[in-house]
């Protein structure tokens, strides 16, 4: 009888330890469902505010007309340019603009994984874009650009290493939406 009584004490101790470990495990699992002081089910990971803003921002549609051409005549004065300027995250607190500038049916600025430039975007009714990428193909694999829709100016240029050779194109910005 002494053995039986002693075995129950050991069994009670093992059951108590198991219950304690189970409670700790449930607490550990349960705390994963609390995010920012609220119970969350499913995937609680959400995009950062910058990512949400970057993807929520509608691209700007820019229309321009070529006014001057120097160098390789792939476009002519009077040719129309139409392109989007999109906001793309750079890091946690800033962004770049991206554009694939097509004038007269020819890509003058941008390309696959290219077309990024530092910019400021206006949230006014006109949604202006002001920015530039001063580096030509020999430095960053695409042409250079200066875009200021608030002043109605766009200038694109490249060196002899670009697909279109050395050129300079100026255009008057007609609209931005």
Protein backbone atom coordinates (compact mmCIF):
# COMPACT_ATOMS: atom_id res chain seq x y z
CA UNK A 1 0.00 0.00 0.00
CA UNK A 2 2.86 2.34 0.69
CA UNK A 3 4.06 1.80 -2.87
CA UNK A 4 0.66 2.44 -4.36
CA UNK A 5 0.33 5.66 -2.37
CA UNK A 6 3.77 6.75 -3.34
CA UNK A 7 3.10 6.02 -7.06
CA UNK A 8 0.04 8.23 -6.99
CA UNK A 9 2.08 11.08 -5.57
CA UNK A 10 4.59 10.67 -8.44
CA UNK A 11 1.77 10.42 -10.96
CA UNK A 12 0.16 13.55 -9.50
CA UNK A 13 3.52 15.36 -9.74
CA UNK A 14 3.95 14.29 -13.38
CA UNK A 15 0.38 15.31 -14.20
CA UNK A 16 0.89 18.67 -12.48
CA UNK A 17 4.15 19.28 -14.39
CA UNK A 18 2.47 18.27 -17.66
CA UNK A 19 -0.47 20.56 -16.96
CA UNK A 20 1.89 23.42 -16.15
CA UNK A 21 3.88 22.89 -19.39
CA UNK A 22 0.64 22.64 -21.39
CA UNK A 23 -0.61 25.90 -19.85
CA UNK A 24 2.68 27.64 -20.69
CA UNK A 25 2.52 26.28 -24.27
CA UNK A 26 -1.07 27.48 -24.72
CA UNK A 27 -0.14 30.88 -23.33
CA UNK A 28 2.83 31.06 -25.73
CA UNK A 29 0.67 30.14 -28.73
CA UNK A 30 -2.20 32.36 -27.62
CA UNK A 31 -0.02 35.46 -27.33
CA UNK A 32 0.72 35.21 -31.08
CA UNK A 33 -2.92 36.10 -31.71
CA UNK A 34 -2.59 39.43 -29.88
CA UNK A 35 -1.32 42.17 -32.19
CA UNK A 36 -1.26 45.77 -31.01
CA UNK A 37 -3.43 44.81 -28.02
CA UNK A 38 -6.16 43.24 -30.18
CA UNK A 39 -6.99 39.63 -30.96
CA UNK A 40 -6.13 38.88 -34.61
CA UNK A 41 -6.89 35.68 -36.51
CA UNK A 42 -5.36 34.79 -39.84
CA UNK A 43 -2.21 36.51 -41.02
CA UNK A 44 -1.72 39.57 -38.83
CA UNK A 45 1.18 40.89 -40.92
CA UNK A 46 0.15 44.03 -42.77
CA UNK A 47 2.00 46.34 -45.09
CA UNK A 48 3.74 49.30 -43.51
CA UNK A 49 2.05 52.70 -43.93
CA UNK A 50 4.66 53.68 -46.56
CA UNK A 51 3.98 50.53 -48.59
CA UNK A 52 0.22 51.09 -48.39
CA UNK A 53 0.67 54.73 -49.46
CA UNK A 54 3.06 53.77 -52.26
CA UNK A 55 0.69 51.24 -53.75
CA UNK A 56 -2.42 53.32 -53.10
CA UNK A 57 -0.99 56.37 -54.89
CA UNK A 58 -2.34 56.45 -58.38
CA UNK A 59 0.29 56.96 -61.08
CA UNK A 60 0.43 60.32 -62.79
CA UNK A 61 -0.29 60.32 -66.51
CA UNK A 62 1.91 62.83 -68.31
CA UNK A 63 1.44 64.09 -71.87
CA UNK A 64 4.03 66.24 -73.61
CA UNK A 65 5.07 67.41 -77.07
CA UNK A 66 8.65 67.37 -78.38
CA UNK A 67 9.85 70.93 -79.06
CA UNK A 68 13.57 70.43 -79.78
CA UNK A 69 15.82 67.53 -80.82
CA UNK A 70 19.61 67.32 -81.02
CA UNK A 71 21.67 64.28 -82.03
CA UNK A 72 20.11 61.03 -83.15
CA UNK A 73 16.76 61.99 -84.76
CA UNK A 74 14.63 59.12 -83.39
CA UNK A 75 11.92 61.68 -82.66
CA UNK A 76 11.03 64.97 -84.27
CA UNK A 77 9.55 68.23 -83.02
CA UNK A 78 5.79 67.79 -82.78
CA UNK A 79 5.97 64.12 -81.72
CA UNK A 80 3.78 63.33 -78.71
CA UNK A 81 5.03 61.78 -75.47
CA UNK A 82 2.78 59.81 -73.15
CA UNK A 83 3.85 57.99 -70.02
CA UNK A 84 3.01 57.21 -66.40
CA UNK A 85 5.01 58.31 -63.39
CA UNK A 86 4.69 55.76 -60.61
CA UNK A 87 5.73 56.03 -56.97
CA UNK A 88 7.96 53.12 -55.87
CA UNK A 89 9.29 52.47 -52.34
CA UNK A 90 13.01 53.13 -51.87
CA UNK A 91 13.29 52.28 -48.16
CA UNK A 92 11.13 52.50 -45.03
CA UNK A 93 10.64 56.25 -45.23
CA UNK A 94 11.15 57.37 -48.83
CA UNK A 95 10.36 56.58 -52.44
CA UNK A 96 11.55 56.97 -56.02
CA UNK A 97 9.55 57.76 -59.11
CA UNK A 98 9.61 55.45 -62.09
CA UNK A 99 8.76 56.38 -65.67
CA UNK A 100 9.00 54.72 -69.04
CA UNK A 101 9.00 57.79 -71.30
CA UNK A 102 7.81 57.07 -74.83
CA UNK A 103 7.85 59.84 -77.43
CA UNK A 104 6.86 59.31 -81.05
CA UNK A 105 6.55 55.59 -80.34
CA UNK A 106 10.18 55.29 -79.10
CA UNK A 107 11.36 54.63 -75.55
CA UNK A 108 13.63 57.56 -74.64
CA UNK A 109 13.96 57.02 -70.88
CA UNK A 110 13.58 53.87 -68.78
CA UNK A 111 13.58 50.22 -69.72
CA UNK A 112 13.44 46.92 -67.83
CA UNK A 113 14.43 47.62 -64.19
CA UNK A 114 15.32 51.18 -65.16
CA UNK A 115 13.66 54.59 -65.25
CA UNK A 116 14.01 55.47 -61.55
CA UNK A 117 14.56 59.05 -60.46
CA UNK A 118 14.41 61.18 -57.32
CA UNK A 119 11.21 63.21 -57.29
CA UNK A 120 8.60 65.17 -55.39
CA UNK A 121 4.94 64.52 -56.05
CA UNK A 122 2.28 67.14 -55.52
CA UNK A 123 -1.09 65.99 -54.22
CA UNK A 124 -2.82 69.10 -55.57
CA UNK A 125 -5.46 68.90 -58.28
CA UNK A 126 -2.77 68.91 -61.02
CA UNK A 127 -0.68 66.23 -59.27
CA UNK A 128 2.62 67.70 -60.50
CA UNK A 129 5.92 65.80 -60.63
CA UNK A 130 9.29 67.46 -60.12
CA UNK A 131 12.40 65.31 -60.34
CA UNK A 132 15.53 64.29 -62.15
CA UNK A 133 18.04 61.55 -62.90
CA UNK A 134 21.20 63.30 -64.13
CA UNK A 135 23.08 60.06 -64.95
CA UNK A 136 23.32 58.84 -68.55
CA UNK A 137 23.71 55.27 -69.83
CA UNK A 138 27.43 55.06 -69.14
CA UNK A 139 26.68 55.65 -65.43
CA UNK A 140 23.34 53.87 -64.78
CA UNK A 141 22.19 52.01 -67.92
CA UNK A 142 19.50 54.48 -69.02
CA UNK A 143 19.24 58.03 -70.28
CA UNK A 144 19.04 61.09 -68.03
CA UNK A 145 15.87 63.07 -67.36
CA UNK A 146 14.70 66.33 -65.87
CA UNK A 147 10.93 66.58 -65.42
CA UNK A 148 9.08 69.53 -63.93
CA UNK A 149 5.40 69.35 -64.81
CA UNK A 150 4.58 72.46 -62.76
CA UNK A 151 6.78 74.49 -65.13
CA UNK A 152 5.79 72.43 -68.18
CA UNK A 153 9.34 71.23 -68.88
CA UNK A 154 10.83 67.85 -69.75
CA UNK A 155 14.35 67.23 -70.96
CA UNK A 156 15.88 63.81 -71.76
CA UNK A 157 19.48 63.25 -72.86
CA UNK A 158 21.95 60.42 -73.23
CA UNK A 159 25.56 59.72 -74.12
CA UNK A 160 27.02 57.68 -76.98
CA UNK A 161 26.72 54.45 -74.92
CA UNK A 162 22.90 54.48 -75.00
CA UNK A 163 20.83 52.40 -77.42
CA UNK A 164 19.87 55.58 -79.32
CA UNK A 165 23.33 57.14 -79.19
CA UNK A 166 24.01 60.65 -77.99
CA UNK A 167 20.93 62.88 -78.06
CA UNK A 168 18.99 65.59 -76.31
CA UNK A 169 15.22 66.03 -76.46
CA UNK A 170 13.20 68.85 -74.96
CA UNK A 171 9.43 68.72 -74.63
CA UNK A 172 6.63 70.91 -73.36
CA UNK A 173 4.43 69.18 -70.78
CA UNK A 174 0.83 69.57 -71.93
CA UNK A 175 -0.98 67.84 -69.07
CA UNK A 176 -0.56 65.75 -65.96
CA UNK A 177 -3.34 63.82 -64.24
